[in-house]
Amino acid sequence: MTETKTALLPSSTILMLRDGAAGLEVFMVKRHHAIDFASGAMVFPGGKLARGDSDPVLQGRHARPGAFEPALTPFAFGAIREAFEESGLLLARPKGDGRLLSADRAAALKSWREPLNRGDKSLRDLAETENLDYALDCMVPFAHWITPEVMPKRFDTWFFLARAPEGQIGAHDGSESVDSEWIAPQDALDAWEAKTRTIVFATRMQLVKLARARSVDEALAQAGQTPIVDVMPVLDKESFSEPHLRIPAEAGYGVTEVPLSRVGM
């Protein structure tokens, strides 16, 4: 009998960045404990793609059409939607205007967050009603991770970097996420080591890579110059006294294996 593999769920995650007083900071939210994936953990805004993220009409509602491969564009739209739903930060411009939305304009669109989250409204609805274009040109692909085949729920996830629009204020949604903060990547990793934050393996690896940059400009430049290597961790039960997950060295995280007992911590 042929073993049936768990279907992959396309998803997107975005690392919103800003330059803080002491250097680079990234926006993170704390997942609600009732969420079935990474409950209670600190994560970047993200989630499964919605049907509307693939709407072909959106191709005419963003800058630099063709900046991403066609297969990657829905993931980029999904990342913008998730960022807005979970943080209130919206990578968009008034149509025909080169400037990103002001803080006041973004705040005035707050009522769209919940309908988008429920799936009652789409990015197309938001763009056409509010006369917006989405700023895909501000996003840089950062990583591509696929959940191991041994897991009961699997995601095909693209991670993106973007500079947070100046003046816009990030705030958690109060439903899927119950807390939020701007934090230096190394501070987040140190908090995990001290057991004061729960951060799952894939999120930690992105923080490790991000911590190499001292500023938003540096992080975006490094990401733009670094080829993305697909990462699907592999379970190794034979080489160590306890099972480990392995990831490819060429992915550039400086880590190739981690004990399974520390993966979900």
C-alpha atoms as a PDB file:
ATOM      1  CA  MET A   1       0.000   0.000   0.000  1.00  0.00           C
ATOM      2  CA  THR A   2       1.352   3.419  -0.949  1.00  0.00           C
ATOM      3  CA  GLU A   3       1.829   5.741   2.014  1.00  0.00           C
ATOM      4  CA  THR A   4      -0.120   9.005   1.641  1.00  0.00           C
ATOM      5  CA  LYS A   5       1.924  12.104   2.364  1.00  0.00           C
ATOM      6  CA  THR A   6       0.418  15.056   4.216  1.00  0.00           C
ATOM      7  CA  ALA A   7      -0.457  17.842   1.796  1.00  0.00           C
ATOM      8  CA  LEU A   8       1.645  21.001   1.957  1.00  0.00           C
ATOM      9  CA  LEU A   9      -0.154  24.194   2.974  1.00  0.00           C
ATOM     10  CA  PRO A  10       1.250  27.255   1.135  1.00  0.00           C
ATOM     11  CA  SER A  11       2.042  29.978   3.662  1.00  0.00           C
ATOM     12  CA  SER A  12       3.924  33.229   4.018  1.00  0.00           C
ATOM     13  CA  THR A  13       5.810  34.930   6.826  1.00  0.00           C
ATOM     14  CA  ILE A  14       7.170  38.460   6.930  1.00  0.00           C
ATOM     15  CA  LEU A  15       9.963  39.930   9.016  1.00  0.00           C
ATOM     16  CA  MET A  16       9.111  43.619   9.405  1.00  0.00           C
ATOM     17  CA  LEU A  17      12.267  45.550  10.224  1.00  0.00           C
ATOM     18  CA  ARG A  18      13.183  48.923  11.650  1.00  0.00           C
ATOM     19  CA  ASP A  19      16.310  50.644  12.936  1.00  0.00           C
ATOM     20  CA  GLY A  20      16.004  51.053  16.697  1.00  0.00           C
ATOM     21  CA  ALA A  21      18.149  53.061  19.070  1.00  0.00           C
ATOM     22  CA  ALA A  22      20.566  50.146  19.524  1.00  0.00           C
ATOM     23  CA  GLY A  23      20.373  48.720  16.002  1.00  0.00           C
ATOM     24  CA  LEU A  24      18.191  46.425  13.927  1.00  0.00           C
ATOM     25  CA  GLU A  25      14.822  45.371  15.351  1.00  0.00           C
ATOM     26  CA  VAL A  26      12.170  42.961  14.056  1.00  0.00           C
ATOM     27  CA  PHE A  27       8.451  42.861  14.857  1.00  0.00           C
ATOM     28  CA  MET A  28       7.295  39.676  16.608  1.00  0.00           C
ATOM     29  CA  VAL A  29       3.939  38.574  17.986  1.00  0.00           C
ATOM     30  CA  LYS A  30       3.005  36.017  20.637  1.00  0.00           C
ATOM     31  CA  ARG A  31       0.629  33.374  19.340  1.00  0.00           C
ATOM     32  CA  HIS A  32      -2.607  32.768  21.202  1.00  0.00           C
ATOM     33  CA  HIS A  33      -2.503  29.575  23.294  1.00  0.00           C
ATOM     34  CA  ALA A  34      -5.631  28.291  21.498  1.00  0.00           C
ATOM     35  CA  ILE A  35      -3.891  28.341  18.093  1.00  0.00           C
ATOM     36  CA  ASP A  36      -3.088  24.808  16.897  1.00  0.00           C
ATOM     37  CA  PHE A  37       0.367  25.659  15.536  1.00  0.00           C
ATOM     38  CA  ALA A  38       3.147  27.221  17.661  1.00  0.00           C
ATOM     39  CA  SER A  39       0.669  28.176  20.384  1.00  0.00           C
ATOM     40  CA  GLY A  40       2.171  30.610  22.875  1.00  0.00           C
ATOM     41  CA  ALA A  41       5.344  31.063  20.810  1.00  0.00           C
ATOM     42  CA  MET A  42       6.894  34.298  19.576  1.00  0.00           C
ATOM     43  CA  VAL A  43       6.684  34.364  15.787  1.00  0.00           C
ATOM     44  CA  PHE A  44       6.749  36.766  12.868  1.00  0.00           C
ATOM     45  CA  PRO A  45       3.382  37.699  11.325  1.00  0.00           C
ATOM     46  CA  GLY A  46       2.370  34.987   8.889  1.00  0.00           C
ATOM     47  CA  GLY A  47      -0.029  32.232   7.982  1.00  0.00           C
ATOM     48  CA  LYS A  48      -1.649  30.191   5.240  1.00  0.00           C
ATOM     49  CA  LEU A  49      -2.340  31.781   1.885  1.00  0.00           C
ATOM     50  CA  ALA A  50      -5.913  32.884   1.239  1.00  0.00           C
ATOM     51  CA  ARG A  51      -7.685  32.230  -2.034  1.00  0.00           C
ATOM     52  CA  GLY A  52      -7.651  35.952  -2.848  1.00  0.00           C
ATOM     53  CA  ASP A  53      -3.852  36.140  -2.644  1.00  0.00           C
ATOM     54  CA  SER A  54      -3.731  34.500  -6.089  1.00  0.00           C
ATOM     55  CA  ASP A  55      -6.303  36.837  -7.664  1.00  0.00           C
ATOM     56  CA  PRO A  56      -4.861  37.820 -11.099  1.00  0.00           C
ATOM     57  CA  VAL A  57      -6.339  41.304 -10.716  1.00  0.00           C
ATOM     58  CA  LEU A  58      -3.735  41.963  -8.020  1.00  0.00           C
ATOM     59  CA  GLN A  59      -1.052  41.887 -10.713  1.00  0.00           C
ATOM     60  CA  GLY A  60      -2.226  45.358 -11.692  1.00  0.00           C
ATOM     61  CA  ARG A  61      -2.250  46.602  -8.111  1.00  0.00           C
ATOM     62  CA  HIS A  62       1.430  46.536  -7.225  1.00  0.00           C
ATOM     63  CA  ALA A  63       4.678  48.206  -8.173  1.00  0.00           C
ATOM     64  CA  ARG A  64       7.225  46.584 -10.455  1.00  0.00           C
ATOM     65  CA  PRO A  65       5.140  43.758 -11.955  1.00  0.00           C
ATOM     66  CA  GLY A  66       7.400  40.792 -12.611  1.00  0.00           C
ATOM     67  CA  ALA A  67       9.687  41.559  -9.654  1.00  0.00           C
ATOM     68  CA  PHE A  68       8.954  38.073  -8.359  1.00  0.00           C
ATOM     69  CA  GLU A  69       8.612  34.804 -10.197  1.00  0.00           C
ATOM     70  CA  PRO A  70       4.903  34.221 -10.962  1.00  0.00           C
ATOM     71  CA  ALA A  71       4.753  31.290  -8.533  1.00  0.00           C
ATOM     72  CA  LEU A  72       6.170  33.460  -5.731  1.00  0.00           C
ATOM     73  CA  THR A  73       3.891  36.475  -6.195  1.00  0.00           C
ATOM     74  CA  PRO A  74       0.886  35.015  -4.283  1.00  0.00           C
ATOM     75  CA  PHE A  75       3.218  34.316  -1.363  1.00  0.00           C
ATOM     76  CA  ALA A  76       4.296  37.969  -1.403  1.00  0.00           C
ATOM     77  CA  PHE A  77       0.682  39.162  -1.416  1.00  0.00           C
ATOM     78  CA  GLY A  78      -0.065  36.702   1.376  1.00  0.00           C
ATOM     79  CA  ALA A  79       2.785  38.147   3.424  1.00  0.00           C
ATOM     80  CA  ILE A  80       1.417  41.689   2.996  1.00  0.00           C
ATOM     81  CA  ARG A  81      -2.061  40.550   4.033  1.00  0.00           C
ATOM     82  CA  GLU A  82      -0.792  38.638   7.067  1.00  0.00           C
ATOM     83  CA  ALA A  83       1.354  41.575   8.174  1.00  0.00           C
ATOM     84  CA  PHE A  84      -1.647  43.877   8.058  1.00  0.00           C
ATOM     85  CA  GLU A  85      -3.967  41.415   9.804  1.00  0.00           C
ATOM     86  CA  GLU A  86      -1.546  40.609  12.611  1.00  0.00           C
ATOM     87  CA  SER A  87       0.378  43.874  13.075  1.00  0.00           C
ATOM     88  CA  GLY A  88      -1.522  46.695  11.347  1.00  0.00           C
ATOM     89  CA  LEU A  89       1.541  47.440   9.229  1.00  0.00           C
ATOM     90  CA  LEU A  90       0.470  47.793   5.600  1.00  0.00           C
ATOM     91  CA  LEU A  91       2.915  47.779   2.680  1.00  0.00           C
ATOM     92  CA  ALA A  92       0.827  49.833   0.275  1.00  0.00           C
ATOM     93  CA  ARG A  93       0.649  53.193  -1.459  1.00  0.00           C
ATOM     94  CA  PRO A  94      -2.196  55.436  -2.564  1.00  0.00           C
ATOM     95  CA  LYS A  95      -2.593  54.549  -6.243  1.00  0.00           C
ATOM     96  CA  GLY A  96      -0.312  56.718  -8.370  1.00  0.00           C
ATOM     97  CA  ASP A  97       1.683  57.924  -5.335  1.00  0.00           C
ATOM     98  CA  GLY A  98       5.281  56.840  -4.783  1.00  0.00           C
ATOM     99  CA  ARG A  99       5.062  57.181  -1.009  1.00  0.00           C
ATOM    100  CA  LEU A 100       3.998  54.413   1.354  1.00  0.00           C
ATOM    101  CA  LEU A 101       0.855  54.973   3.393  1.00  0.00           C
ATOM    102  CA  SER A 102       1.208  57.413   6.253  1.00  0.00           C
ATOM    103  CA  ALA A 103       0.578  56.311   9.818  1.00  0.00           C
ATOM    104  CA  ASP A 104      -2.771  58.116   9.866  1.00  0.00           C
ATOM    105  CA  ARG A 105      -3.913  56.552   6.591  1.00  0.00           C
ATOM    106  CA  ALA A 106      -2.901  53.066   7.710  1.00  0.00           C
ATOM    107  CA  ALA A 107      -4.655  53.552  11.058  1.00  0.00           C
ATOM    108  CA  ALA A 108      -7.828  54.622   9.253  1.00  0.00           C
ATOM    109  CA  LEU A 109      -7.882  51.221   7.523  1.00  0.00           C
ATOM    110  CA  LYS A 110      -7.873  49.289  10.816  1.00  0.00           C
ATOM    111  CA  SER A 111     -11.464  48.131  10.302  1.00  0.00           C
ATOM    112  CA  TRP A 112     -10.295  45.987   7.364  1.00  0.00           C
ATOM    113  CA  ARG A 113      -8.056  43.757   9.499  1.00  0.00           C
ATOM    114  CA  GLU A 114     -10.712  41.471  10.950  1.00  0.00           C
ATOM    115  CA  PRO A 115     -12.724  40.971   7.694  1.00  0.00           C
ATOM    116  CA  LEU A 116      -9.460  40.051   5.958  1.00  0.00           C
ATOM    117  CA  ASN A 117      -8.586  37.649   8.751  1.00  0.00           C
ATOM    118  CA  ARG A 118     -12.006  35.966   8.552  1.00  0.00           C
ATOM    119  CA  GLY A 119     -11.800  35.714   4.766  1.00  0.00           C
ATOM    120  CA  ASP A 120     -14.852  37.937   4.298  1.00  0.00           C
ATOM    121  CA  LYS A 121     -12.742  40.438   2.364  1.00  0.00           C
ATOM    122  CA  SER A 122      -9.663  40.129   0.145  1.00  0.00           C
ATOM    123  CA  LEU A 123      -6.653  42.216  -0.793  1.00  0.00           C
ATOM    124  CA  ARG A 124      -8.440  43.010  -4.039  1.00  0.00           C
ATOM    125  CA  ASP A 125     -11.436  44.370  -2.107  1.00  0.00           C
ATOM    126  CA  LEU A 126      -9.149  46.533   0.017  1.00  0.00           C
ATOM    127  CA  ALA A 127      -7.175  47.846  -2.969  1.00  0.00           C
ATOM    128  CA  GLU A 128     -10.219  48.668  -5.094  1.00  0.00           C
ATOM    129  CA  THR A 129     -12.247  50.226  -2.290  1.00  0.00           C
ATOM    130  CA  GLU A 130      -9.414  52.307  -0.847  1.00  0.00           C
ATOM    131  CA  ASN A 131      -7.615  52.946  -4.179  1.00  0.00           C
ATOM    132  CA  LEU A 132      -4.322  51.337  -3.163  1.00  0.00           C
ATOM    133  CA  ASP A 133      -1.362  49.656  -4.796  1.00  0.00           C
ATOM    134  CA  TYR A 134       0.683  47.097  -2.855  1.00  0.00           C
ATOM    135  CA  ALA A 135       4.408  47.645  -2.315  1.00  0.00           C
ATOM    136  CA  LEU A 136       5.870  44.307  -3.352  1.00  0.00           C
ATOM    137  CA  ASP A 137       8.939  46.247  -4.459  1.00  0.00           C
ATOM    138  CA  CYS A 138       9.764  46.826  -0.779  1.00  0.00           C
ATOM    139  CA  MET A 139       9.985  43.088  -0.076  1.00  0.00           C
ATOM    140  CA  VAL A 140      12.972  40.778  -0.389  1.00  0.00           C
ATOM    141  CA  PRO A 141      12.673  36.948  -0.285  1.00  0.00           C
ATOM    142  CA  PHE A 142      14.649  35.699   2.716  1.00  0.00           C
ATOM    143  CA  ALA A 143      14.109  31.944   3.133  1.00  0.00           C
ATOM    144  CA  HIS A 144      12.032  28.983   1.995  1.00  0.00           C
ATOM    145  CA  TRP A 145      11.203  26.248   4.503  1.00  0.00           C
ATOM    146  CA  ILE A 146       9.132  23.099   4.093  1.00  0.00           C
ATOM    147  CA  THR A 147       7.839  21.163   7.109  1.00  0.00           C
ATOM    148  CA  PRO A 148       9.390  17.681   7.425  1.00  0.00           C
ATOM    149  CA  GLU A 149       7.429  14.776   5.986  1.00  0.00           C
ATOM    150  CA  VAL A 150       7.142  13.163   9.432  1.00  0.00           C
ATOM    151  CA  MET A 151       4.935  15.980  10.750  1.00  0.00           C
ATOM    152  CA  PRO A 152       1.115  15.678  10.764  1.00  0.00           C
ATOM    153  CA  LYS A 153       0.653  19.277   9.548  1.00  0.00           C
ATOM    154  CA  ARG A 154       2.986  20.582   6.867  1.00  0.00           C
ATOM    155  CA  PHE A 155       3.654  24.059   5.493  1.00  0.00           C
ATOM    156  CA  ASP A 156       5.416  25.325   2.385  1.00  0.00           C
ATOM    157  CA  THR A 157       6.549  28.688   3.749  1.00  0.00           C
ATOM    158  CA  TRP A 158       8.286  31.655   2.170  1.00  0.00           C
ATOM    159  CA  PHE A 159       9.871  34.211   4.488  1.00  0.00           C
ATOM    160  CA  PHE A 160      10.236  37.829   3.334  1.00  0.00           C
ATOM    161  CA  LEU A 161      12.036  40.883   4.703  1.00  0.00           C
ATOM    162  CA  ALA A 162      10.615  44.400   4.504  1.00  0.00           C
ATOM    163  CA  ARG A 163      11.329  47.753   6.081  1.00  0.00           C
ATOM    164  CA  ALA A 164       8.354  48.777   8.216  1.00  0.00           C
ATOM    165  CA  PRO A 165       6.629  51.830   6.700  1.00  0.00           C
ATOM    166  CA  GLU A 166       7.856  54.942   8.479  1.00  0.00           C
ATOM    167  CA  GLY A 167       5.486  56.149  11.165  1.00  0.00           C
ATOM    168  CA  GLN A 168       3.147  53.155  11.039  1.00  0.00           C
ATOM    169  CA  ILE A 169       2.670  51.564  14.445  1.00  0.00           C
ATOM    170  CA  GLY A 170       2.770  47.784  14.818  1.00  0.00           C
ATOM    171  CA  ALA A 171       0.230  46.247  17.204  1.00  0.00           C
ATOM    172  CA  HIS A 172      -0.959  42.654  17.670  1.00  0.00           C
ATOM    173  CA  ASP A 173      -4.530  41.799  16.685  1.00  0.00           C
ATOM    174  CA  GLY A 174      -5.652  40.492  20.076  1.00  0.00           C
ATOM    175  CA  SER A 175      -7.092  37.277  18.634  1.00  0.00           C
ATOM    176  CA  GLU A 176      -4.499  35.108  16.869  1.00  0.00           C
ATOM    177  CA  SER A 177      -1.761  37.013  18.697  1.00  0.00           C
ATOM    178  CA  VAL A 178      -1.960  38.304  22.261  1.00  0.00           C
ATOM    179  CA  ASP A 179       1.241  40.325  22.589  1.00  0.00           C
ATOM    180  CA  SER A 180       3.834  41.948  20.351  1.00  0.00           C
ATOM    181  CA  GLU A 181       7.179  43.685  20.486  1.00  0.00           C
ATOM    182  CA  TRP A 182       9.979  45.172  18.444  1.00  0.00           C
ATOM    183  CA  ILE A 183      13.080  43.274  19.450  1.00  0.00           C
ATOM    184  CA  ALA A 184      16.695  42.909  18.353  1.00  0.00           C
ATOM    185  CA  PRO A 185      17.201  39.461  16.794  1.00  0.00           C
ATOM    186  CA  GLN A 186      19.992  38.518  19.199  1.00  0.00           C
ATOM    187  CA  ASP A 187      17.916  39.669  22.179  1.00  0.00           C
ATOM    188  CA  ALA A 188      15.132  37.325  21.048  1.00  0.00           C
ATOM    189  CA  LEU A 189      17.606  34.440  20.785  1.00  0.00           C
ATOM    190  CA  ASP A 190      19.041  35.259  24.210  1.00  0.00           C
ATOM    191  CA  ALA A 191      15.519  35.281  25.676  1.00  0.00           C
ATOM    192  CA  TRP A 192      14.914  31.834  24.210  1.00  0.00           C
ATOM    193  CA  GLU A 193      18.158  30.530  25.715  1.00  0.00           C
ATOM    194  CA  ALA A 194      17.097  31.998  29.078  1.00  0.00           C
ATOM    195  CA  LYS A 195      13.697  30.263  28.678  1.00  0.00           C
ATOM    196  CA  THR A 196      11.794  33.544  28.962  1.00  0.00           C
ATOM    197  CA  ARG A 197      10.475  33.244  25.384  1.00  0.00           C
ATOM    198  CA  THR A 198       9.214  30.258  23.411  1.00  0.00           C
ATOM    199  CA  ILE A 199      10.545  30.364  19.842  1.00  0.00           C
ATOM    200  CA  VAL A 200      10.321  27.370  17.525  1.00  0.00           C
ATOM    201  CA  PHE A 201      13.240  26.124  15.468  1.00  0.00           C
ATOM    202  CA  ALA A 202      12.393  27.638  12.068  1.00  0.00           C
ATOM    203  CA  THR A 203      11.797  31.058  13.634  1.00  0.00           C
ATOM    204  CA  ARG A 204      15.060  30.847  15.579  1.00  0.00           C
ATOM    205  CA  MET A 205      16.997  30.068  12.436  1.00  0.00           C
ATOM    206  CA  GLN A 206      15.663  33.195  10.733  1.00  0.00           C
ATOM    207  CA  LEU A 207      16.674  35.216  13.794  1.00  0.00           C
ATOM    208  CA  VAL A 208      20.178  33.702  13.611  1.00  0.00           C
ATOM    209  CA  LYS A 209      20.547  34.823  10.012  1.00  0.00           C
ATOM    210  CA  LEU A 210      18.964  38.233  10.657  1.00  0.00           C
ATOM    211  CA  ALA A 211      21.231  38.903  13.658  1.00  0.00           C
ATOM    212  CA  ARG A 212      24.224  39.158  11.304  1.00  0.00           C
ATOM    213  CA  ALA A 213      22.957  42.551  10.084  1.00  0.00           C
ATOM    214  CA  ARG A 214      23.337  45.766  12.037  1.00  0.00           C
ATOM    215  CA  SER A 215      20.725  47.809  10.181  1.00  0.00           C
ATOM    216  CA  VAL A 216      17.705  47.456   7.916  1.00  0.00           C
ATOM    217  CA  ASP A 217      19.752  48.496   4.893  1.00  0.00           C
ATOM    218  CA  GLU A 218      22.353  45.855   5.690  1.00  0.00           C
ATOM    219  CA  ALA A 219      19.742  43.137   6.229  1.00  0.00           C
ATOM    220  CA  LEU A 220      17.966  43.888   2.941  1.00  0.00           C
ATOM    221  CA  ALA A 221      21.254  44.042   1.049  1.00  0.00           C
ATOM    222  CA  GLN A 222      22.462  40.732   2.480  1.00  0.00           C
ATOM    223  CA  ALA A 223      19.167  39.036   1.649  1.00  0.00           C
ATOM    224  CA  GLY A 224      19.207  40.387  -1.890  1.00  0.00           C
ATOM    225  CA  GLN A 225      22.696  39.012  -2.489  1.00  0.00           C
ATOM    226  CA  THR A 226      22.211  35.575  -0.897  1.00  0.00           C
ATOM    227  CA  PRO A 227      20.759  32.693  -2.941  1.00  0.00           C
ATOM    228  CA  ILE A 228      17.849  30.995  -1.224  1.00  0.00           C
ATOM    229  CA  VAL A 229      18.301  27.295  -0.500  1.00  0.00           C
ATOM    230  CA  ASP A 230      15.150  25.259   0.098  1.00  0.00           C
ATOM    231  CA  VAL A 231      15.146  23.820   3.615  1.00  0.00           C
ATOM    232  CA  MET A 232      13.160  20.719   4.532  1.00  0.00           C
ATOM    233  CA  PRO A 233      14.581  19.386   7.807  1.00  0.00           C
ATOM    234  CA  VAL A 234      15.234  15.651   7.807  1.00  0.00           C
ATOM    235  CA  LEU A 235      14.821  13.466  10.880  1.00  0.00           C
ATOM    236  CA  ASP A 236      17.994  11.520  11.752  1.00  0.00           C
ATOM    237  CA  LYS A 237      17.401   8.744  14.283  1.00  0.00           C
ATOM    238  CA  GLU A 238      20.650   6.888  13.694  1.00  0.00           C
ATOM    239  CA  SER A 239      23.638   9.227  14.095  1.00  0.00           C
ATOM    240  CA  PHE A 240      23.079  10.449  17.645  1.00  0.00           C
ATOM    241  CA  SER A 241      21.905   9.126  21.001  1.00  0.00           C
ATOM    242  CA  GLU A 242      18.657  11.028  20.489  1.00  0.00           C
ATOM    243  CA  PRO A 243      16.881  11.984  17.229  1.00  0.00           C
ATOM    244  CA  HIS A 244      18.088  15.140  15.479  1.00  0.00           C
ATOM    245  CA  LEU A 245      16.765  17.311  12.686  1.00  0.00           C
ATOM    246  CA  ARG A 246      19.233  18.035   9.923  1.00  0.00           C
ATOM    247  CA  ILE A 247      19.213  21.039   7.579  1.00  0.00           C
ATOM    248  CA  PRO A 248      21.562  21.676   4.636  1.00  0.00           C
ATOM    249  CA  ALA A 249      24.799  23.506   5.435  1.00  0.00           C
ATOM    250  CA  GLU A 250      24.478  25.515   2.209  1.00  0.00           C
ATOM    251  CA  ALA A 251      21.325  27.166   3.610  1.00  0.00           C
ATOM    252  CA  GLY A 252      23.717  29.380   5.557  1.00  0.00           C
ATOM    253  CA  TYR A 253      22.374  29.202   9.107  1.00  0.00           C
ATOM    254  CA  GLY A 254      25.625  28.032  10.653  1.00  0.00           C
ATOM    255  CA  VAL A 255      23.728  25.009  12.037  1.00  0.00           C
ATOM    256  CA  THR A 256      23.314  21.632  10.357  1.00  0.00           C
ATOM    257  CA  GLU A 257      21.604  19.585  13.065  1.00  0.00           C
ATOM    258  CA  VAL A 258      19.678  20.163  16.270  1.00  0.00           C
ATOM    259  CA  PRO A 259      18.351  17.690  18.875  1.00  0.00           C
ATOM    260  CA  LEU A 260      14.669  16.998  18.394  1.00  0.00           C
ATOM    261  CA  SER A 261      14.115  17.847  22.059  1.00  0.00           C
ATOM    262  CA  ARG A 262      15.124  21.464  21.309  1.00  0.00           C
ATOM    263  CA  VAL A 263      13.239  21.926  18.056  1.00  0.00           C
ATOM    264  CA  GLY A 264       9.926  23.046  19.500  1.00  0.00           C
ATOM    265  CA  MET A 265      11.283  24.853  22.545  1.00  0.00           C
END
